[in-house]
Amino acid sequence: MNTAIGTKEAIKRWDGFADTYASHHTENGDIHKEVFLNSVLFELMGDVKGKRVLDAGCGEGYLSRLMAKQGATVTAVDFAPRMLEIAMERTPDQMDIDFRHGNLEHLDLFNDGLFDLAVSNMVLQDLANVESALKEIYRVLVPGGCFVMSILHPCFITPESGWEKNDSGDKLHWNVDQYFYEGAYEQKLGKMVLFHRTLTTYINTMIKSGFSLERIVEPTPSQEMLKKHPTFEEDFRCADFIVFKLRKAGVESQSSWFSPIVP
């Protein structure tokens, strides 16, 4: 763990890891996105046809392409130059996606109120300054615009977490430690830099940025996915991911939680 590491180091490592990362992605993303996240993201986003959508941290671009196929006008931004190159290589010329290089912490390349919808799929844990990123995404949304974001579940994926196993290698239970540490740590797989923060910090920062919170989903595998990938049965023991649906002020939502109180 190293609190001195910032987003600049994360960008450097993602740029170097981009080809390996992309090699594990099909048209539906990697296996975890296919099993856990895609159906939840599209459920929370709703009908994207005709909407101006920001793919905030697009990676190799699979989600941008899926949204474009459903009729969205997609602008995709990522902080790793090599990742953007791969995204553009994989995107057919006739698919009109505007790929941009940029860091979500500073979206100066976009005017205020430019997008109807923003989605960030497994990105915010890669940024040192999540408050700046949330404020920027809030700024570029239209009033009443929606933001859907998925991250590693901060309650269970911590700087010191993993399976406790017996001598035979059987998984006994999931260990969690260093939950209240907030800062950078190195992921064991791929030596990528992640930035851990508590669930409290995430939610309070969303509220501070102006968003109201409409829904939270902790995805589990569907029966259809379990038939295809039976080993994911173990994910009913512990949540790996959490997904939020947020709303920018401007349109009342009867189902919203933690909405700012207006005197």
Protein backbone atom coordinates (compact mmCIF):
# COMPACT_ATOMS: atom_id res chain seq x y z
CA MET A 1 0.00 0.00 0.00
CA ASN A 2 1.30 3.41 -0.93
CA THR A 3 -0.63 6.65 -0.39
CA ALA A 4 1.92 8.57 -2.51
CA ILE A 5 0.92 6.85 -5.78
CA GLY A 6 -1.50 8.83 -7.93
CA THR A 7 -3.50 8.57 -11.12
CA LYS A 8 -0.43 9.28 -13.26
CA GLU A 9 1.07 5.93 -12.22
CA ALA A 10 -2.25 4.17 -12.83
CA ILE A 11 -2.34 5.57 -16.38
CA LYS A 12 1.21 4.38 -17.03
CA ARG A 13 0.40 0.86 -15.88
CA TRP A 14 -2.90 0.66 -17.76
CA ASP A 15 -1.16 1.79 -20.94
CA GLY A 16 1.36 -1.01 -20.56
CA PHE A 17 -1.33 -3.56 -19.69
CA ALA A 18 -3.77 -2.54 -22.45
CA ASP A 19 -2.99 -5.31 -24.94
CA THR A 20 -3.16 -8.04 -22.33
CA TYR A 21 -6.38 -6.60 -20.95
CA ALA A 22 -7.99 -6.34 -24.37
CA SER A 23 -7.02 -9.91 -25.26
CA HIS A 24 -9.50 -11.15 -22.64
CA HIS A 25 -12.39 -9.10 -24.07
CA THR A 26 -14.91 -10.30 -26.62
CA GLU A 27 -17.85 -8.34 -28.04
CA ASN A 28 -19.46 -8.66 -24.58
CA GLY A 29 -16.39 -7.68 -22.57
CA ASP A 30 -14.45 -10.03 -20.31
CA ILE A 31 -16.08 -12.92 -18.50
CA HIS A 32 -16.89 -10.93 -15.35
CA LYS A 33 -18.58 -8.16 -17.33
CA GLU A 34 -20.57 -10.74 -19.26
CA VAL A 35 -21.63 -12.71 -16.16
CA PHE A 36 -22.22 -9.89 -13.67
CA LEU A 37 -22.34 -6.41 -15.11
CA ASN A 38 -23.73 -6.03 -18.63
CA SER A 39 -27.34 -6.92 -17.87
CA VAL A 40 -27.38 -4.70 -14.77
CA LEU A 41 -25.84 -1.74 -16.59
CA PHE A 42 -28.37 -1.86 -19.41
CA GLU A 43 -31.27 -2.36 -17.00
CA LEU A 44 -30.25 0.75 -15.04
CA MET A 45 -29.49 2.82 -18.15
CA GLY A 46 -32.82 1.97 -19.77
CA ASP A 47 -33.45 2.68 -23.45
CA VAL A 48 -30.35 4.42 -24.85
CA LYS A 49 -31.72 4.95 -28.36
CA GLY A 50 -31.31 8.55 -29.42
CA LYS A 51 -29.46 9.53 -26.25
CA ARG A 52 -26.12 11.32 -26.10
CA VAL A 53 -24.04 8.96 -23.97
CA LEU A 54 -20.62 9.38 -22.39
CA ASP A 55 -18.70 6.13 -21.91
CA ALA A 56 -16.53 7.41 -19.07
CA GLY A 57 -13.46 5.18 -19.13
CA CYS A 58 -14.22 3.10 -22.23
CA GLY A 59 -11.24 0.74 -22.16
CA GLU A 60 -11.14 -1.31 -25.36
CA GLY A 61 -14.59 -0.02 -26.26
CA TYR A 62 -16.92 -3.03 -26.03
CA LEU A 63 -19.61 -1.18 -24.05
CA SER A 64 -19.47 1.81 -26.42
CA ARG A 65 -20.09 -0.54 -29.34
CA LEU A 66 -22.99 -2.28 -27.59
CA MET A 67 -24.63 1.08 -26.84
CA ALA A 68 -24.05 2.34 -30.38
CA LYS A 69 -25.73 -0.81 -31.74
CA GLN A 70 -28.78 0.12 -29.64
CA GLY A 71 -28.97 3.56 -31.23
CA ALA A 72 -27.03 5.74 -28.78
CA THR A 73 -24.80 8.59 -29.90
CA VAL A 74 -21.66 7.61 -28.03
CA THR A 75 -18.65 9.65 -26.97
CA ALA A 76 -15.99 7.47 -25.36
CA VAL A 77 -13.10 8.74 -23.27
CA ASP A 78 -10.16 6.90 -21.69
CA PHE A 79 -6.94 7.99 -20.02
CA ALA A 80 -4.69 5.29 -21.56
CA PRO A 81 -3.58 6.13 -25.13
CA ARG A 82 -2.92 2.50 -26.08
CA MET A 83 -6.36 1.48 -24.82
CA LEU A 84 -7.95 4.07 -27.12
CA GLU A 85 -5.90 2.80 -30.06
CA ILE A 86 -7.24 -0.71 -29.47
CA ALA A 87 -10.79 0.60 -29.09
CA MET A 88 -10.60 2.39 -32.42
CA GLU A 89 -9.00 -0.62 -34.11
CA ARG A 90 -11.87 -2.82 -32.93
CA THR A 91 -14.64 -0.40 -33.89
CA PRO A 92 -15.98 -0.66 -37.47
CA ASP A 93 -15.74 2.54 -39.51
CA GLN A 94 -19.50 2.65 -40.00
CA MET A 95 -20.05 2.70 -36.23
CA ASP A 96 -20.01 6.38 -35.32
CA ILE A 97 -18.31 6.55 -31.92
CA ASP A 98 -16.33 9.64 -30.98
CA PHE A 99 -13.24 8.40 -29.11
CA ARG A 100 -11.39 10.99 -27.01
CA HIS A 101 -8.27 10.89 -24.86
CA GLY A 102 -8.92 12.29 -21.40
CA ASN A 103 -8.85 11.78 -17.66
CA LEU A 104 -12.24 11.73 -15.90
CA GLU A 105 -10.76 13.86 -13.14
CA HIS A 106 -10.46 16.77 -15.64
CA LEU A 107 -12.98 16.66 -18.49
CA ASP A 108 -12.11 20.11 -19.85
CA LEU A 109 -12.60 18.81 -23.40
CA PHE A 110 -16.40 18.77 -22.83
CA ASN A 111 -18.83 21.64 -22.28
CA ASP A 112 -21.39 21.68 -19.48
CA GLY A 113 -24.62 19.75 -19.97
CA LEU A 114 -23.48 17.87 -23.07
CA PHE A 115 -24.74 14.34 -22.30
CA ASP A 116 -28.09 12.78 -21.43
CA LEU A 117 -26.46 9.75 -19.85
CA ALA A 118 -23.02 8.72 -18.59
CA VAL A 119 -21.81 5.24 -17.75
CA SER A 120 -18.56 4.26 -16.05
CA ASN A 121 -17.84 0.54 -16.03
CA MET A 122 -15.16 -0.55 -13.55
CA VAL A 123 -13.22 2.71 -13.73
CA LEU A 124 -13.50 4.90 -10.63
CA GLN A 125 -11.31 2.58 -8.54
CA ASP A 126 -8.52 3.45 -11.03
CA LEU A 127 -8.58 7.15 -10.12
CA ALA A 128 -6.90 8.83 -7.16
CA ASN A 129 -9.36 11.75 -7.09
CA VAL A 130 -12.86 10.27 -7.23
CA GLU A 131 -14.45 13.53 -6.03
CA SER A 132 -13.07 15.45 -8.99
CA ALA A 133 -14.26 12.72 -11.39
CA LEU A 134 -17.80 12.68 -9.97
CA LYS A 135 -18.05 16.48 -10.09
CA GLU A 136 -16.87 16.49 -13.69
CA ILE A 137 -19.37 13.84 -14.75
CA TYR A 138 -22.12 15.76 -12.94
CA ARG A 139 -21.08 18.92 -14.80
CA VAL A 140 -21.22 17.40 -18.30
CA LEU A 141 -24.69 15.85 -17.79
CA VAL A 142 -27.90 17.66 -18.68
CA PRO A 143 -30.19 18.55 -15.75
CA GLY A 144 -31.96 15.35 -14.79
CA GLY A 145 -29.28 13.28 -16.56
CA CYS A 146 -28.43 9.80 -15.34
CA PHE A 147 -25.07 8.33 -14.33
CA VAL A 148 -24.61 4.56 -13.97
CA MET A 149 -21.32 3.37 -12.46
CA SER A 150 -19.90 -0.01 -11.51
CA ILE A 151 -16.90 -0.59 -9.26
CA LEU A 152 -15.26 -3.37 -7.30
CA HIS A 153 -17.28 -3.81 -4.11
CA PRO A 154 -15.26 -1.80 -1.57
CA CYS A 155 -16.59 -3.79 1.39
CA PHE A 156 -15.18 -7.07 0.11
CA ILE A 157 -12.41 -6.25 -2.37
CA THR A 158 -9.91 -4.54 -0.11
CA PRO A 159 -6.12 -4.16 -0.09
CA GLU A 160 -5.91 -7.40 1.91
CA SER A 161 -8.69 -9.74 0.81
CA GLY A 162 -8.90 -13.23 -0.65
CA TRP A 163 -10.02 -16.80 -0.09
CA GLU A 164 -8.99 -18.72 3.02
CA LYS A 165 -8.26 -22.29 1.91
CA ASN A 166 -7.60 -25.56 3.69
CA ASP A 167 -4.66 -27.83 2.98
CA SER A 168 -6.58 -29.44 0.12
CA GLY A 169 -7.18 -26.09 -1.55
CA ASP A 170 -10.89 -25.96 -0.73
CA LYS A 171 -12.27 -22.44 -0.25
CA LEU A 172 -13.39 -22.01 3.36
CA HIS A 173 -14.36 -18.33 3.49
CA TRP A 174 -13.49 -14.93 2.06
CA ASN A 175 -11.09 -12.84 4.15
CA VAL A 176 -11.37 -9.04 4.31
CA ASP A 177 -8.76 -6.77 5.91
CA GLN A 178 -7.60 -3.14 5.72
CA TYR A 179 -11.11 -1.95 4.84
CA PHE A 180 -10.61 1.48 6.41
CA TYR A 181 -7.33 2.10 4.59
CA GLU A 182 -7.97 4.65 1.83
CA GLY A 183 -5.40 5.04 -0.90
CA ALA A 184 -3.42 3.19 -3.53
CA TYR A 185 -2.55 -0.47 -3.45
CA GLU A 186 -1.18 -2.91 -5.99
CA GLN A 187 -3.49 -5.60 -7.30
CA LYS A 188 -1.90 -9.03 -7.22
CA LEU A 189 -3.00 -9.90 -10.76
CA GLY A 190 -1.18 -7.76 -13.30
CA LYS A 191 0.29 -5.44 -10.66
CA MET A 192 -2.28 -2.79 -11.52
CA VAL A 193 -2.72 0.18 -9.18
CA LEU A 194 -6.14 0.45 -7.54
CA PHE A 195 -7.42 3.13 -5.16
CA HIS A 196 -9.43 1.78 -2.27
CA ARG A 197 -12.00 3.86 -0.41
CA THR A 198 -14.82 2.90 1.89
CA LEU A 199 -18.46 2.60 0.86
CA THR A 200 -19.15 5.59 3.10
CA THR A 201 -16.65 7.70 1.18
CA TYR A 202 -18.10 6.69 -2.18
CA ILE A 203 -21.70 7.48 -1.24
CA ASN A 204 -20.92 10.72 0.62
CA THR A 205 -18.82 11.90 -2.32
CA MET A 206 -21.70 11.16 -4.72
CA ILE A 207 -23.99 13.30 -2.56
CA LYS A 208 -21.38 16.06 -2.20
CA SER A 209 -21.03 16.15 -5.99
CA GLY A 210 -24.75 16.89 -6.31
CA PHE A 211 -26.11 13.50 -7.30
CA SER A 212 -29.13 11.78 -5.82
CA LEU A 213 -28.91 8.02 -5.47
CA GLU A 214 -31.72 6.08 -7.11
CA ARG A 215 -30.61 2.45 -6.98
CA ILE A 216 -27.85 0.16 -5.80
CA VAL A 217 -27.33 -3.34 -7.22
CA GLU A 218 -24.91 -6.01 -6.02
CA PRO A 219 -24.88 -8.29 -9.07
CA THR A 220 -25.10 -12.07 -8.82
CA PRO A 221 -24.92 -14.58 -11.70
CA SER A 222 -28.20 -15.39 -13.41
CA GLN A 223 -29.26 -19.02 -13.80
CA GLU A 224 -28.52 -18.70 -17.50
CA MET A 225 -24.97 -17.57 -16.77
CA LEU A 226 -24.48 -20.31 -14.15
CA LYS A 227 -25.34 -22.93 -16.75
CA LYS A 228 -22.69 -21.43 -18.99
CA HIS A 229 -20.14 -20.74 -16.22
CA PRO A 230 -20.96 -23.01 -13.23
CA THR A 231 -17.83 -22.04 -11.26
CA PHE A 232 -19.44 -18.65 -10.51
CA GLU A 233 -21.76 -20.38 -8.03
CA GLU A 234 -19.23 -19.30 -5.38
CA ASP A 235 -20.15 -15.67 -6.02
CA PHE A 236 -23.32 -16.12 -4.01
CA ARG A 237 -21.03 -16.23 -0.97
CA CYS A 238 -19.55 -12.76 -1.40
CA ALA A 239 -20.19 -9.76 -3.66
CA ASP A 240 -17.41 -8.76 -6.06
CA PHE A 241 -19.11 -5.74 -7.63
CA ILE A 242 -21.55 -2.96 -6.81
CA VAL A 243 -23.45 -0.78 -9.30
CA PHE A 244 -25.03 2.63 -8.64
CA LYS A 245 -27.65 4.61 -10.54
CA LEU A 246 -27.31 8.33 -9.86
CA ARG A 247 -29.33 11.32 -11.02
CA LYS A 248 -28.33 14.93 -11.60
CA ALA A 249 -30.67 17.49 -10.09
CA GLY A 250 -33.33 18.82 -12.38
CA VAL A 251 -35.92 16.07 -12.69
CA GLU A 252 -37.77 14.74 -9.65
CA SER A 253 -37.49 11.01 -9.04
CA GLN A 254 -39.95 9.45 -6.64
CA SER A 255 -37.66 6.48 -6.09
CA SER A 256 -34.47 8.44 -5.34
CA TRP A 257 -32.61 8.04 -2.06
CA PHE A 258 -30.38 10.58 -0.34
CA SER A 259 -31.78 13.40 -2.47
CA PRO A 260 -30.51 16.84 -1.44
CA ILE A 261 -33.13 18.68 0.64
CA VAL A 262 -34.21 21.97 -0.89
CA PRO A 263 -35.48 24.54 1.65
